[in-house]
Every structure is written in structure tokens, then in C-alpha cells.
Amino acid sequence: MTGHPPTELPPGFARFEHGSLQCTVVSDGIIRLGPARESFPNAEPAEVDELLTRHYLPTDAVHLNQNILVVNTGDTLVMFDSGVGTDPELGLKTFGDEAGLLIRNLRAAGIEPEQIDLVALTHAHPDHAWGLADGAGAPLFPNASLAIGRADYQHWTDLSRVPDAPTEHQQDQIKGAHKNITAYDSRLILLDGGEQIAPGIRAIATPGHSPGHIVYEITSGDQTMICWGDLCHHQVLLLEHPEWNFMFDHDGTGATEQRVRIYDYVDANRYAVFGYHFPFPGHGHLRRDPGGFTWIPSDLPRRLPERSK
């Protein structure tokens, strides 16, 4: 054998059809956390490790994908969440250079930031909202409106809370949310749940993980998909154990209640799911099992080489 095989990874985007809608999944990269046993405070550490081991997953670290969905309705180009951004004082400092890849992967997928008409946030945590503005506070999606839960907007843009935040990270969460979200104040859409934000796209209020967390129901023809943000962070742990709290849950009891409610809703209607932090590209279905749910990833179409003539 001569030479070496290529070492580059596949491009950080994927496409699929949802009814008549064209959907593009763009990766913002990876967030690396410590051992999962440290991220679920009301779970038995040994049980967390055993469950991960049973699913052939590492126990020493959690790797969360950042899958950003872009939906073309024909009239509106809607992007769900914005990743961690590349602000040297926020995104890069907090998450490192394995994340913050949204803009370059959008362009690789043939989408320019100026083409985005609407950014729909599931909530205002750093890994979902810090990719809205650049380091100087200018909007990175200059022609887009911004949809966000009213309660999240009020909670996360309130700078009066900064002095009482106990850690620098929590202070940065508020400062970063304010900097990114208020860049769109002239084009803001505040959601309480139930609103149609674009043709076939409806907001559903799911407060718990964040005060104004929103999931989005996307319907075209007879196909419906739930884009659920941080309703569920992990494709194994929180599907088998929705009662476990994730360490960044604002209201652990509320987060569990919303998880169970939406899982049941998805299962009863056999809807598809788009998981922000699930293995790329994050599209799949739930299968109800005796002890919880199992993630069934979709077999998405891929481009095949042309047959030589």
C-alpha cells in the first residue's frame, strides 16, 4: 500500500427532509464535562457508572454535542439556538476551541448568517445563547428576529442579579445572556407558550431546566418533530431516569415533570425528536421500555458516489 488515507473528519453538517421542509443540522462542536456521576446530584454515582458502562460509554467524562437545527419553511429560515459563540471573554474562555464552530459550519453548509430570518432559543444558557453576538456585542445574524421565552428573557437579562451570583461563572451567565440577547431587542419576540413563530412551528412552554424553557413543535404534512433543547441532555441517562436532575437545572422538580410530560407526548403520537446535545446529528425517535425510554437514532439520507459510466 502506498500513501496514507485522508485524516480529515466529515463536514460538520447534515441534511434531511421533514415533510416538505428542508432541515440542516449544523454542529457547534463539543462540550466536555467531567464524570457524569458529578452532573446528576440526586443519582447514585455507582448506578450512573453502571448505566454508562452497559451502553459502552465512558464514565470518566461526558461529551455533549451541540446540534443546531436550521429549518427552511420556504418563506422563513429558522435557526434553533446559537451555540457558545467565540467571544474571547465568554465563549472561548468558558468552553474552549472545540466548540463555537457554528458560523464556519453554517457557511460550509451553504448558509450565510445574513440569511437567517429567525433565531428561536430554547433557553438562554451559555451553550444556547452566547452565539448570538460577537465580542463587541453586535448581532451575528443581522437580519434575524429573536424568539425567546418571556420568563427566560426577564430572568437572564436582569443585570441587578449579578452582585448576588455566588460564582464568577454564574455572574458570566447573566452578563453573557444580557450581552447576546439585548443585541436583538429591536427584533424581539417574547413567548409564553402556544405561539406559532413560523409556518408549522409552535412554541411549547416547558419551564424547569430554565425559568422560560421552550420546546418547539415542527409540523409539515403528517410529520411532526419536537426540537427539545435541554429538556433532555443525555441519550441514555435522562431517558432511562427522567427523575435524575442535571446539575444546571433551575428547578429540578419542574425539569423532571416537563421531561415526563414531553416524553409521553412524543411517545403517544410517535413524533420524531431533535436532541441538541445528543450524538450528531441528533434526529431520532423514542422507544418506550419497561424502565424508561431508549433512543433510536434515525438513518438519515447521505450522498452516495455517482456510478461510473
C-alpha atoms as a PDB file:
ATOM      1  CA  MET A   1       0.000   0.000   0.000  1.00  0.00           C
ATOM      2  CA  THR A   2       1.361   3.417  -0.928  1.00  0.00           C
ATOM      3  CA  GLY A   3       0.452   6.731   0.639  1.00  0.00           C
ATOM      4  CA  HIS A   4      -1.860   7.267   3.571  1.00  0.00           C
ATOM      5  CA  PRO A   5      -5.639   7.563   3.835  1.00  0.00           C
ATOM      6  CA  PRO A   6      -7.035  11.051   4.460  1.00  0.00           C
ATOM      7  CA  THR A   7      -7.180  12.164   8.083  1.00  0.00           C
ATOM      8  CA  GLU A   8      -9.790  14.931   7.914  1.00  0.00           C
ATOM      9  CA  LEU A   9     -13.184  14.358   9.528  1.00  0.00           C
ATOM     10  CA  PRO A  10     -16.517  14.622   7.666  1.00  0.00           C
ATOM     11  CA  PRO A  11     -18.081  18.092   7.387  1.00  0.00           C
ATOM     12  CA  GLY A  12     -19.918  19.408  10.423  1.00  0.00           C
ATOM     13  CA  PHE A  13     -23.400  19.460   8.909  1.00  0.00           C
ATOM     14  CA  ALA A  14     -26.122  17.090   7.704  1.00  0.00           C
ATOM     15  CA  ARG A  15     -29.415  17.499   5.812  1.00  0.00           C
ATOM     16  CA  PHE A  16     -32.749  15.748   5.836  1.00  0.00           C
ATOM     17  CA  GLU A  17     -36.329  16.342   4.751  1.00  0.00           C
ATOM     18  CA  HIS A  18     -39.118  16.748   7.289  1.00  0.00           C
ATOM     19  CA  GLY A  19     -42.322  16.627   5.291  1.00  0.00           C
ATOM     20  CA  SER A  20     -41.828  19.412   2.758  1.00  0.00           C
ATOM     21  CA  LEU A  21     -39.324  21.250   4.959  1.00  0.00           C
ATOM     22  CA  GLN A  22     -35.604  21.136   4.313  1.00  0.00           C
ATOM     23  CA  CYS A  23     -33.669  20.743   7.566  1.00  0.00           C
ATOM     24  CA  THR A  24     -29.949  21.279   8.055  1.00  0.00           C
ATOM     25  CA  VAL A  25     -28.142  20.232  11.231  1.00  0.00           C
ATOM     26  CA  VAL A  26     -25.035  22.285  11.899  1.00  0.00           C
ATOM     27  CA  SER A  27     -22.540  21.316  14.595  1.00  0.00           C
ATOM     28  CA  ASP A  28     -21.283  23.945  17.009  1.00  0.00           C
ATOM     29  CA  GLY A  29     -18.786  21.383  18.298  1.00  0.00           C
ATOM     30  CA  ILE A  30     -18.394  19.503  21.565  1.00  0.00           C
ATOM     31  CA  ILE A  31     -18.664  20.455  25.231  1.00  0.00           C
ATOM     32  CA  ARG A  32     -16.598  18.295  27.564  1.00  0.00           C
ATOM     33  CA  LEU A  33     -17.753  17.851  31.154  1.00  0.00           C
ATOM     34  CA  GLY A  34     -16.333  15.809  33.973  1.00  0.00           C
ATOM     35  CA  PRO A  35     -17.626  12.399  35.087  1.00  0.00           C
ATOM     36  CA  ALA A  36     -21.390  12.018  34.658  1.00  0.00           C
ATOM     37  CA  ARG A  37     -21.728  10.917  38.301  1.00  0.00           C
ATOM     38  CA  GLU A  38     -20.878  14.531  39.237  1.00  0.00           C
ATOM     39  CA  SER A  39     -23.510  16.018  36.902  1.00  0.00           C
ATOM     40  CA  PHE A  40     -26.596  14.301  38.363  1.00  0.00           C
ATOM     41  CA  PRO A  41     -26.728  15.243  42.049  1.00  0.00           C
ATOM     42  CA  ASN A  42     -29.721  13.094  43.044  1.00  0.00           C
ATOM     43  CA  ALA A  43     -28.459   9.921  41.337  1.00  0.00           C
ATOM     44  CA  GLU A  44     -26.407   7.159  42.908  1.00  0.00           C
ATOM     45  CA  PRO A  45     -22.887   7.503  41.418  1.00  0.00           C
ATOM     46  CA  ALA A  46     -22.458   3.744  41.044  1.00  0.00           C
ATOM     47  CA  GLU A  47     -25.765   3.490  39.173  1.00  0.00           C
ATOM     48  CA  VAL A  48     -24.712   6.243  36.773  1.00  0.00           C
ATOM     49  CA  ASP A  49     -21.428   4.479  36.034  1.00  0.00           C
ATOM     50  CA  GLU A  50     -23.108   1.103  35.597  1.00  0.00           C
ATOM     51  CA  LEU A  51     -25.637   2.501  33.136  1.00  0.00           C
ATOM     52  CA  LEU A  52     -22.947   4.198  31.056  1.00  0.00           C
ATOM     53  CA  THR A  53     -20.811   1.071  31.036  1.00  0.00           C
ATOM     54  CA  ARG A  54     -23.777  -1.020  29.917  1.00  0.00           C
ATOM     55  CA  HIS A  55     -24.185   1.318  26.943  1.00  0.00           C
ATOM     56  CA  TYR A  56     -20.464   1.272  26.053  1.00  0.00           C
ATOM     57  CA  LEU A  57     -19.973   4.883  27.105  1.00  0.00           C
ATOM     58  CA  PRO A  58     -17.064   6.272  29.147  1.00  0.00           C
ATOM     59  CA  THR A  59     -17.544   7.004  32.833  1.00  0.00           C
ATOM     60  CA  ASP A  60     -14.692   9.479  33.239  1.00  0.00           C
ATOM     61  CA  ALA A  61     -16.191  12.266  31.112  1.00  0.00           C
ATOM     62  CA  VAL A  62     -19.367  13.382  29.377  1.00  0.00           C
ATOM     63  CA  HIS A  63     -19.160  14.717  25.839  1.00  0.00           C
ATOM     64  CA  LEU A  64     -22.193  16.768  24.821  1.00  0.00           C
ATOM     65  CA  ASN A  65     -22.740  17.526  21.151  1.00  0.00           C
ATOM     66  CA  GLN A  66     -24.131  20.886  20.108  1.00  0.00           C
ATOM     67  CA  ASN A  67     -26.551  20.233  17.261  1.00  0.00           C
ATOM     68  CA  ILE A  68     -28.122  23.345  15.810  1.00  0.00           C
ATOM     69  CA  LEU A  69     -31.175  22.865  13.620  1.00  0.00           C
ATOM     70  CA  VAL A  70     -31.923  25.165  10.678  1.00  0.00           C
ATOM     71  CA  VAL A  71     -35.360  24.769   9.067  1.00  0.00           C
ATOM     72  CA  ASN A  72     -36.312  26.262   5.712  1.00  0.00           C
ATOM     73  CA  THR A  73     -40.092  26.698   5.622  1.00  0.00           C
ATOM     74  CA  GLY A  74     -39.968  28.196   2.131  1.00  0.00           C
ATOM     75  CA  ASP A  75     -40.675  31.679   3.430  1.00  0.00           C
ATOM     76  CA  THR A  76     -38.573  31.734   6.598  1.00  0.00           C
ATOM     77  CA  LEU A  77     -35.165  30.355   7.546  1.00  0.00           C
ATOM     78  CA  VAL A  78     -35.367  29.466  11.235  1.00  0.00           C
ATOM     79  CA  MET A  79     -32.361  28.531  13.355  1.00  0.00           C
ATOM     80  CA  PHE A  80     -32.873  26.909  16.751  1.00  0.00           C
ATOM     81  CA  ASP A  81     -30.318  28.065  19.370  1.00  0.00           C
ATOM     82  CA  SER A  82     -26.906  29.556  18.593  1.00  0.00           C
ATOM     83  CA  GLY A  83     -24.176  27.610  20.370  1.00  0.00           C
ATOM     84  CA  VAL A  84     -21.481  29.002  22.658  1.00  0.00           C
ATOM     85  CA  GLY A  85     -20.051  31.689  20.392  1.00  0.00           C
ATOM     86  CA  THR A  86     -16.455  32.814  20.005  1.00  0.00           C
ATOM     87  CA  ASP A  87     -16.343  35.799  22.356  1.00  0.00           C
ATOM     88  CA  PRO A  88     -12.836  35.600  23.915  1.00  0.00           C
ATOM     89  CA  GLU A  89     -14.224  36.801  27.264  1.00  0.00           C
ATOM     90  CA  LEU A  90     -17.162  34.384  27.274  1.00  0.00           C
ATOM     91  CA  GLY A  91     -17.494  31.505  24.789  1.00  0.00           C
ATOM     92  CA  LEU A  92     -13.847  30.683  24.162  1.00  0.00           C
ATOM     93  CA  LYS A  93     -12.835  31.310  27.765  1.00  0.00           C
ATOM     94  CA  THR A  94     -15.565  29.052  29.120  1.00  0.00           C
ATOM     95  CA  PHE A  95     -15.814  26.252  26.546  1.00  0.00           C
ATOM     96  CA  GLY A  96     -12.515  26.165  24.668  1.00  0.00           C
ATOM     97  CA  ASP A  97     -11.882  25.851  20.946  1.00  0.00           C
ATOM     98  CA  GLU A  98     -13.713  22.549  20.393  1.00  0.00           C
ATOM     99  CA  ALA A  99     -16.988  24.494  20.417  1.00  0.00           C
ATOM    100  CA  GLY A 100     -18.098  27.772  18.869  1.00  0.00           C
ATOM    101  CA  LEU A 101     -17.967  26.337  15.342  1.00  0.00           C
ATOM    102  CA  LEU A 102     -21.470  27.351  14.241  1.00  0.00           C
ATOM    103  CA  ILE A 103     -20.625  30.136  11.798  1.00  0.00           C
ATOM    104  CA  ARG A 104     -17.934  28.218   9.902  1.00  0.00           C
ATOM    105  CA  ASN A 105     -20.118  25.103   9.683  1.00  0.00           C
ATOM    106  CA  LEU A 106     -23.138  27.167   8.586  1.00  0.00           C
ATOM    107  CA  ARG A 107     -21.057  28.509   5.726  1.00  0.00           C
ATOM    108  CA  ALA A 108     -19.765  25.034   4.894  1.00  0.00           C
ATOM    109  CA  ALA A 109     -23.433  24.021   4.586  1.00  0.00           C
ATOM    110  CA  GLY A 110     -24.048  26.900   2.158  1.00  0.00           C
ATOM    111  CA  ILE A 111     -25.887  29.150   4.644  1.00  0.00           C
ATOM    112  CA  GLU A 112     -24.724  32.682   5.373  1.00  0.00           C
ATOM    113  CA  PRO A 113     -25.578  34.257   8.761  1.00  0.00           C
ATOM    114  CA  GLU A 114     -27.343  37.094   6.938  1.00  0.00           C
ATOM    115  CA  GLN A 115     -29.844  34.603   5.515  1.00  0.00           C
ATOM    116  CA  ILE A 116     -31.239  33.590   8.912  1.00  0.00           C
ATOM    117  CA  ASP A 117     -34.664  35.219   9.392  1.00  0.00           C
ATOM    118  CA  LEU A 118     -35.440  33.984  12.902  1.00  0.00           C
ATOM    119  CA  VAL A 119     -33.393  32.550  15.757  1.00  0.00           C
ATOM    120  CA  ALA A 120     -35.605  30.587  18.152  1.00  0.00           C
ATOM    121  CA  LEU A 121     -33.969  29.998  21.530  1.00  0.00           C
ATOM    122  CA  THR A 122     -34.998  27.089  23.697  1.00  0.00           C
ATOM    123  CA  HIS A 123     -33.474  28.995  26.628  1.00  0.00           C
ATOM    124  CA  ALA A 124     -30.727  31.458  27.475  1.00  0.00           C
ATOM    125  CA  HIS A 125     -27.983  29.265  28.950  1.00  0.00           C
ATOM    126  CA  PRO A 126     -24.461  29.963  27.617  1.00  0.00           C
ATOM    127  CA  ASP A 127     -24.262  26.986  25.250  1.00  0.00           C
ATOM    128  CA  HIS A 128     -27.513  28.007  23.567  1.00  0.00           C
ATOM    129  CA  ALA A 129     -27.472  31.823  23.579  1.00  0.00           C
ATOM    130  CA  TRP A 130     -23.864  33.018  23.587  1.00  0.00           C
ATOM    131  CA  GLY A 131     -23.504  32.567  19.835  1.00  0.00           C
ATOM    132  CA  LEU A 132     -25.880  35.424  19.038  1.00  0.00           C
ATOM    133  CA  ALA A 133     -23.427  38.354  19.180  1.00  0.00           C
ATOM    134  CA  ASP A 134     -19.744  38.968  18.582  1.00  0.00           C
ATOM    135  CA  GLY A 135     -17.238  40.161  21.173  1.00  0.00           C
ATOM    136  CA  ALA A 136     -18.278  43.782  20.646  1.00  0.00           C
ATOM    137  CA  GLY A 137     -21.972  42.949  21.162  1.00  0.00           C
ATOM    138  CA  ALA A 138     -23.032  43.251  17.509  1.00  0.00           C
ATOM    139  CA  PRO A 139     -25.603  40.689  16.283  1.00  0.00           C
ATOM    140  CA  LEU A 140     -24.062  37.874  14.256  1.00  0.00           C
ATOM    141  CA  PHE A 141     -27.392  37.315  12.483  1.00  0.00           C
ATOM    142  CA  PRO A 142     -28.110  40.902  11.464  1.00  0.00           C
ATOM    143  CA  ASN A 143     -31.390  40.252   9.643  1.00  0.00           C
ATOM    144  CA  ALA A 144     -32.893  37.883  12.201  1.00  0.00           C
ATOM    145  CA  SER A 145     -35.572  38.335  14.808  1.00  0.00           C
ATOM    146  CA  LEU A 146     -35.084  36.534  18.116  1.00  0.00           C
ATOM    147  CA  ALA A 147     -37.746  34.407  19.823  1.00  0.00           C
ATOM    148  CA  ILE A 148     -37.256  33.557  23.494  1.00  0.00           C
ATOM    149  CA  GLY A 149     -39.430  32.579  26.440  1.00  0.00           C
ATOM    150  CA  ARG A 150     -40.621  35.677  28.287  1.00  0.00           C
ATOM    151  CA  ALA A 151     -39.585  34.273  31.672  1.00  0.00           C
ATOM    152  CA  ASP A 152     -36.097  33.481  30.391  1.00  0.00           C
ATOM    153  CA  TYR A 153     -35.698  36.951  28.930  1.00  0.00           C
ATOM    154  CA  GLN A 154     -36.713  38.568  32.208  1.00  0.00           C
ATOM    155  CA  HIS A 155     -34.544  36.260  34.304  1.00  0.00           C
ATOM    156  CA  TRP A 156     -31.340  36.195  32.261  1.00  0.00           C
ATOM    157  CA  THR A 157     -31.119  39.826  31.146  1.00  0.00           C
ATOM    158  CA  ASP A 158     -31.559  41.223  34.667  1.00  0.00           C
ATOM    159  CA  LEU A 159     -28.108  42.607  35.478  1.00  0.00           C
ATOM    160  CA  SER A 160     -29.221  43.515  39.002  1.00  0.00           C
ATOM    161  CA  ARG A 161     -28.783  39.814  39.825  1.00  0.00           C
ATOM    162  CA  VAL A 162     -25.044  39.846  39.079  1.00  0.00           C
ATOM    163  CA  PRO A 163     -23.778  41.051  42.506  1.00  0.00           C
ATOM    164  CA  ASP A 164     -25.687  38.250  44.255  1.00  0.00           C
ATOM    165  CA  ALA A 165     -24.456  35.475  41.940  1.00  0.00           C
ATOM    166  CA  PRO A 166     -22.152  33.323  44.119  1.00  0.00           C
ATOM    167  CA  THR A 167     -19.553  32.368  41.469  1.00  0.00           C
ATOM    168  CA  GLU A 168     -17.812  34.068  38.564  1.00  0.00           C
ATOM    169  CA  HIS A 169     -19.344  31.512  36.183  1.00  0.00           C
ATOM    170  CA  GLN A 170     -22.857  32.361  37.353  1.00  0.00           C
ATOM    171  CA  GLN A 171     -22.092  36.063  37.019  1.00  0.00           C
ATOM    172  CA  ASP A 172     -20.852  35.425  33.478  1.00  0.00           C
ATOM    173  CA  GLN A 173     -24.077  33.537  32.668  1.00  0.00           C
ATOM    174  CA  ILE A 174     -26.097  36.668  33.367  1.00  0.00           C
ATOM    175  CA  LYS A 175     -23.665  39.076  31.726  1.00  0.00           C
ATOM    176  CA  GLY A 176     -23.340  36.842  28.668  1.00  0.00           C
ATOM    177  CA  ALA A 177     -27.090  36.382  28.275  1.00  0.00           C
ATOM    178  CA  HIS A 178     -27.655  40.128  28.581  1.00  0.00           C
ATOM    179  CA  LYS A 179     -24.929  40.946  26.039  1.00  0.00           C
ATOM    180  CA  ASN A 180     -26.163  38.438  23.456  1.00  0.00           C
ATOM    181  CA  ILE A 181     -29.932  38.726  23.826  1.00  0.00           C
ATOM    182  CA  THR A 182     -30.233  42.511  24.109  1.00  0.00           C
ATOM    183  CA  ALA A 183     -28.391  42.802  20.781  1.00  0.00           C
ATOM    184  CA  TYR A 184     -31.791  41.821  19.298  1.00  0.00           C
ATOM    185  CA  ASP A 185     -34.050  43.963  21.499  1.00  0.00           C
ATOM    186  CA  SER A 186     -35.417  45.822  18.476  1.00  0.00           C
ATOM    187  CA  ARG A 187     -36.492  42.496  16.901  1.00  0.00           C
ATOM    188  CA  LEU A 188     -37.542  40.514  19.957  1.00  0.00           C
ATOM    189  CA  ILE A 189     -40.427  38.024  20.136  1.00  0.00           C
ATOM    190  CA  LEU A 190     -41.336  37.045  23.708  1.00  0.00           C
ATOM    191  CA  LEU A 191     -43.046  33.673  24.114  1.00  0.00           C
ATOM    192  CA  ASP A 192     -45.384  32.333  26.780  1.00  0.00           C
ATOM    193  CA  GLY A 193     -46.130  29.055  25.002  1.00  0.00           C
ATOM    194  CA  GLY A 194     -48.651  28.243  22.287  1.00  0.00           C
ATOM    195  CA  GLU A 195     -47.461  30.810  19.748  1.00  0.00           C
ATOM    196  CA  GLN A 196     -46.808  29.943  16.123  1.00  0.00           C
ATOM    197  CA  ILE A 197     -43.436  31.537  15.364  1.00  0.00           C
ATOM    198  CA  ALA A 198     -43.291  30.471  11.691  1.00  0.00           C
ATOM    199  CA  PRO A 199     -45.462  28.317   9.411  1.00  0.00           C
ATOM    200  CA  GLY A 200     -45.791  24.913  11.060  1.00  0.00           C
ATOM    201  CA  ILE A 201     -43.625  25.815  14.085  1.00  0.00           C
ATOM    202  CA  ARG A 202     -45.254  26.159  17.514  1.00  0.00           C
ATOM    203  CA  ALA A 203     -43.705  27.047  20.875  1.00  0.00           C
ATOM    204  CA  ILE A 204     -44.481  24.853  23.912  1.00  0.00           C
ATOM    205  CA  ALA A 205     -43.617  26.168  27.389  1.00  0.00           C
ATOM    206  CA  THR A 206     -41.547  23.689  29.411  1.00  0.00           C
ATOM    207  CA  PRO A 207     -40.217  25.622  32.436  1.00  0.00           C
ATOM    208  CA  GLY A 208     -37.872  23.725  34.715  1.00  0.00           C
ATOM    209  CA  HIS A 209     -34.356  23.456  33.361  1.00  0.00           C
ATOM    210  CA  SER A 210     -34.593  27.224  32.883  1.00  0.00           C
ATOM    211  CA  PRO A 211     -37.431  29.529  34.010  1.00  0.00           C
ATOM    212  CA  GLY A 212     -38.702  30.085  30.478  1.00  0.00           C
ATOM    213  CA  HIS A 213     -37.520  26.952  28.665  1.00  0.00           C
ATOM    214  CA  ILE A 214     -39.325  26.371  25.355  1.00  0.00           C
ATOM    215  CA  VAL A 215     -39.506  23.334  23.107  1.00  0.00           C
ATOM    216  CA  TYR A 216     -40.648  23.693  19.510  1.00  0.00           C
ATOM    217  CA  GLU A 217     -43.136  21.508  17.651  1.00  0.00           C
ATOM    218  CA  ILE A 218     -42.316  21.457  13.930  1.00  0.00           C
ATOM    219  CA  THR A 219     -45.027  20.034  11.656  1.00  0.00           C
ATOM    220  CA  SER A 220     -45.189  19.533   7.911  1.00  0.00           C
ATOM    221  CA  GLY A 221     -47.899  17.341   6.402  1.00  0.00           C
ATOM    222  CA  ASP A 222     -48.270  14.290   8.628  1.00  0.00           C
ATOM    223  CA  GLN A 223     -44.784  14.580  10.156  1.00  0.00           C
ATOM    224  CA  THR A 224     -44.051  16.256  13.485  1.00  0.00           C
ATOM    225  CA  MET A 225     -40.717  16.698  15.235  1.00  0.00           C
ATOM    226  CA  ILE A 226     -40.043  18.065  18.714  1.00  0.00           C
ATOM    227  CA  CYS A 227     -36.925  20.224  18.973  1.00  0.00           C
ATOM    228  CA  TRP A 228     -36.324  19.978  22.701  1.00  0.00           C
ATOM    229  CA  GLY A 229     -33.190  21.911  23.646  1.00  0.00           C
ATOM    230  CA  ASP A 230     -32.216  20.968  27.197  1.00  0.00           C
ATOM    231  CA  LEU A 231     -35.383  19.118  28.080  1.00  0.00           C
ATOM    232  CA  CYS A 232     -33.052  16.096  27.977  1.00  0.00           C
ATOM    233  CA  HIS A 233     -29.255  16.338  27.931  1.00  0.00           C
ATOM    234  CA  HIS A 234     -28.231  12.722  27.539  1.00  0.00           C
ATOM    235  CA  GLN A 235     -29.461   9.985  25.217  1.00  0.00           C
ATOM    236  CA  VAL A 236     -29.159   7.295  27.906  1.00  0.00           C
ATOM    237  CA  LEU A 237     -29.134   8.693  31.432  1.00  0.00           C
ATOM    238  CA  LEU A 238     -32.129  11.031  31.332  1.00  0.00           C
ATOM    239  CA  LEU A 239     -34.205   8.805  29.061  1.00  0.00           C
ATOM    240  CA  GLU A 240     -33.920   5.837  31.420  1.00  0.00           C
ATOM    241  CA  HIS A 241     -34.036   8.063  34.518  1.00  0.00           C
ATOM    242  CA  PRO A 242     -36.043  11.248  33.876  1.00  0.00           C
ATOM    243  CA  GLU A 243     -36.210  11.757  37.659  1.00  0.00           C
ATOM    244  CA  TRP A 244     -32.482  12.474  37.812  1.00  0.00           C
ATOM    245  CA  ASN A 245     -31.649  16.178  37.980  1.00  0.00           C
ATOM    246  CA  PHE A 246     -28.988  17.679  35.771  1.00  0.00           C
ATOM    247  CA  MET A 247     -26.621  19.959  37.668  1.00  0.00           C
ATOM    248  CA  PHE A 248     -27.670  23.068  35.721  1.00  0.00           C
ATOM    249  CA  ASP A 249     -31.424  22.596  36.248  1.00  0.00           C
ATOM    250  CA  HIS A 250     -33.000  25.775  37.618  1.00  0.00           C
ATOM    251  CA  ASP A 251     -35.873  23.785  39.148  1.00  0.00           C
ATOM    252  CA  GLY A 252     -35.107  20.071  39.345  1.00  0.00           C
ATOM    253  CA  THR A 253     -38.672  19.029  40.150  1.00  0.00           C
ATOM    254  CA  GLY A 254     -40.069  21.139  37.322  1.00  0.00           C
ATOM    255  CA  ALA A 255     -37.463  19.822  34.874  1.00  0.00           C
ATOM    256  CA  THR A 256     -38.447  16.235  35.693  1.00  0.00           C
ATOM    257  CA  GLU A 257     -42.159  16.991  35.308  1.00  0.00           C
ATOM    258  CA  GLN A 258     -41.596  18.545  31.883  1.00  0.00           C
ATOM    259  CA  ARG A 259     -39.364  15.675  30.751  1.00  0.00           C
ATOM    260  CA  VAL A 260     -42.012  13.111  31.623  1.00  0.00           C
ATOM    261  CA  ARG A 261     -44.769  15.206  30.025  1.00  0.00           C
ATOM    262  CA  ILE A 262     -42.952  15.649  26.717  1.00  0.00           C
ATOM    263  CA  TYR A 263     -41.681  12.048  26.608  1.00  0.00           C
ATOM    264  CA  ASP A 264     -45.274  10.847  26.967  1.00  0.00           C
ATOM    265  CA  TYR A 265     -46.468  13.347  24.345  1.00  0.00           C
ATOM    266  CA  VAL A 266     -43.806  12.234  21.849  1.00  0.00           C
ATOM    267  CA  ASP A 267     -44.428   8.544  22.522  1.00  0.00           C
ATOM    268  CA  ALA A 268     -48.236   8.779  22.298  1.00  0.00           C
ATOM    269  CA  ASN A 269     -48.031  10.496  18.899  1.00  0.00           C
ATOM    270  CA  ARG A 270     -44.925   8.719  17.541  1.00  0.00           C
ATOM    271  CA  TYR A 271     -43.270  12.060  16.872  1.00  0.00           C
ATOM    272  CA  ALA A 272     -39.636  12.465  15.897  1.00  0.00           C
ATOM    273  CA  VAL A 273     -37.210  14.199  18.252  1.00  0.00           C
ATOM    274  CA  PHE A 274     -34.326  16.568  17.662  1.00  0.00           C
ATOM    275  CA  GLY A 275     -31.856  16.414  20.561  1.00  0.00           C
ATOM    276  CA  TYR A 276     -29.493  19.375  20.910  1.00  0.00           C
ATOM    277  CA  HIS A 277     -26.908  17.500  22.982  1.00  0.00           C
ATOM    278  CA  PHE A 278     -27.436  14.014  21.532  1.00  0.00           C
ATOM    279  CA  PRO A 279     -24.931  12.266  19.238  1.00  0.00           C
ATOM    280  CA  PHE A 280     -24.691  14.138  15.942  1.00  0.00           C
ATOM    281  CA  PRO A 281     -26.912  14.804  14.049  1.00  0.00           C
ATOM    282  CA  GLY A 282     -29.444  14.439  16.877  1.00  0.00           C
ATOM    283  CA  HIS A 283     -32.510  13.211  14.962  1.00  0.00           C
ATOM    284  CA  GLY A 284     -34.391  10.109  16.080  1.00  0.00           C
ATOM    285  CA  HIS A 285     -37.284   8.578  17.989  1.00  0.00           C
ATOM    286  CA  LEU A 286     -38.092   7.268  21.445  1.00  0.00           C
ATOM    287  CA  ARG A 287     -38.960   3.663  22.220  1.00  0.00           C
ATOM    288  CA  ARG A 288     -40.832   3.076  25.450  1.00  0.00           C
ATOM    289  CA  ASP A 289     -39.321   0.281  27.536  1.00  0.00           C
ATOM    290  CA  PRO A 290     -40.383  -1.149  30.921  1.00  0.00           C
ATOM    291  CA  GLY A 291     -37.938   1.087  32.807  1.00  0.00           C
ATOM    292  CA  GLY A 292     -37.944   4.218  30.676  1.00  0.00           C
ATOM    293  CA  PHE A 293     -37.108   5.086  27.074  1.00  0.00           C
ATOM    294  CA  THR A 294     -34.459   4.109  24.549  1.00  0.00           C
ATOM    295  CA  TRP A 295     -33.055   6.462  21.902  1.00  0.00           C
ATOM    296  CA  ILE A 296     -33.440   5.212  18.328  1.00  0.00           C
ATOM    297  CA  PRO A 297     -31.288   7.376  16.018  1.00  0.00           C
ATOM    298  CA  SER A 298     -32.597   7.938  12.506  1.00  0.00           C
ATOM    299  CA  ASP A 299     -30.856   6.591   9.440  1.00  0.00           C
ATOM    300  CA  LEU A 300     -30.615   9.893   7.604  1.00  0.00           C
ATOM    301  CA  PRO A 301     -30.011  10.017   3.844  1.00  0.00           C
ATOM    302  CA  ARG A 302     -26.480  10.528   2.662  1.00  0.00           C
ATOM    303  CA  ARG A 303     -24.880  11.405  -0.658  1.00  0.00           C
ATOM    304  CA  LEU A 304     -23.517   8.375  -2.485  1.00  0.00           C
ATOM    305  CA  PRO A 305     -20.819   8.498  -5.151  1.00  0.00           C
ATOM    306  CA  GLU A 306     -22.041   8.514  -8.725  1.00  0.00           C
ATOM    307  CA  ARG A 307     -21.758   5.220 -10.571  1.00  0.00           C
ATOM    308  CA  SER A 308     -19.022   5.394 -13.178  1.00  0.00           C
ATOM    309  CA  LYS A 309     -20.216   5.089 -16.768  1.00  0.00           C
END
